[in-house]
Amino acid sequence: MTVRLAKDGRIVNGQGADTDIVVASAKAYLHALNKLHSKLERAHPQV
């Protein structure tokens, strides 16, 4: 399962795998959220 999230013009993809489609979707969504959050932290390390 792959999901795409966008925030402030940035787009990230998240991937998740599981035999249950709901679990796979949740994993993919969390993966994408983590990518958005971690890139924001690295972009502004002084904050």
C-alpha atoms as a PDB file:
ATOM      1  CA  MET A   1       0.000   0.000   0.000  1.00  0.00           C
ATOM      2  CA  THR A   2       1.284   3.457  -0.853  1.00  0.00           C
ATOM      3  CA  VAL A   3      -0.122   6.804   0.258  1.00  0.00           C
ATOM      4  CA  ARG A   4       0.878  10.325  -0.713  1.00  0.00           C
ATOM      5  CA  LEU A   5       0.662  13.304   1.634  1.00  0.00           C
ATOM      6  CA  ALA A   6       1.249  16.969   0.890  1.00  0.00           C
ATOM      7  CA  LYS A   7       1.974  19.861   3.252  1.00  0.00           C
ATOM      8  CA  ASP A   8       3.092  23.363   2.348  1.00  0.00           C
ATOM      9  CA  GLY A   9       3.858  22.312  -1.213  1.00  0.00           C
ATOM     10  CA  ARG A  10       5.954  19.289  -0.161  1.00  0.00           C
ATOM     11  CA  ILE A  11       4.822  15.832  -1.187  1.00  0.00           C
ATOM     12  CA  VAL A  12       5.958  12.590   0.447  1.00  0.00           C
ATOM     13  CA  ASN A  13       5.054   8.962  -0.143  1.00  0.00           C
ATOM     14  CA  GLY A  14       4.543   6.410   2.597  1.00  0.00           C
ATOM     15  CA  GLN A  15       4.577   2.656   2.162  1.00  0.00           C
ATOM     16  CA  GLY A  16       3.106  -0.053   4.336  1.00  0.00           C
ATOM     17  CA  ALA A  17       2.669  -3.780   3.917  1.00  0.00           C
ATOM     18  CA  ASP A  18       0.400  -6.231   5.705  1.00  0.00           C
ATOM     19  CA  THR A  19      -2.087  -8.934   4.806  1.00  0.00           C
ATOM     20  CA  ASP A  20      -4.854  -6.716   6.257  1.00  0.00           C
ATOM     21  CA  ILE A  21      -5.526  -3.731   3.972  1.00  0.00           C
ATOM     22  CA  VAL A  22      -6.563  -1.508   6.899  1.00  0.00           C
ATOM     23  CA  VAL A  23      -3.316  -2.231   8.755  1.00  0.00           C
ATOM     24  CA  ALA A  24      -1.272  -1.712   5.575  1.00  0.00           C
ATOM     25  CA  SER A  25      -3.002   1.631   5.008  1.00  0.00           C
ATOM     26  CA  ALA A  26      -2.340   2.756   8.578  1.00  0.00           C
ATOM     27  CA  LYS A  27       1.337   1.770   8.315  1.00  0.00           C
ATOM     28  CA  ALA A  28       1.699   3.668   5.040  1.00  0.00           C
ATOM     29  CA  TYR A  29       0.018   6.766   6.489  1.00  0.00           C
ATOM     30  CA  LEU A  30       2.245   6.731   9.580  1.00  0.00           C
ATOM     31  CA  HIS A  31       5.329   6.253   7.401  1.00  0.00           C
ATOM     32  CA  ALA A  32       4.403   9.327   5.345  1.00  0.00           C
ATOM     33  CA  LEU A  33       3.676  11.388   8.485  1.00  0.00           C
ATOM     34  CA  ASN A  34       7.048  10.428   9.940  1.00  0.00           C
ATOM     35  CA  LYS A  35       8.771  11.485   6.722  1.00  0.00           C
ATOM     36  CA  LEU A  36       7.056  14.880   6.797  1.00  0.00           C
ATOM     37  CA  HIS A  37       7.941  15.408  10.450  1.00  0.00           C
ATOM     38  CA  SER A  38      11.571  14.281  10.227  1.00  0.00           C
ATOM     39  CA  LYS A  39      12.309  16.437   7.173  1.00  0.00           C
ATOM     40  CA  LEU A  40      10.852  19.472   8.937  1.00  0.00           C
ATOM     41  CA  GLU A  41      13.106  18.883  11.933  1.00  0.00           C
ATOM     42  CA  ARG A  42      16.220  18.577   9.749  1.00  0.00           C
ATOM     43  CA  ALA A  43      15.301  21.688   7.787  1.00  0.00           C
ATOM     44  CA  HIS A  44      15.252  23.775  10.992  1.00  0.00           C
ATOM     45  CA  PRO A  45      17.699  22.162  13.479  1.00  0.00           C
ATOM     46  CA  GLN A  46      18.062  25.372  15.522  1.00  0.00           C
ATOM     47  CA  VAL A  47      14.372  25.419  16.485  1.00  0.00           C
END
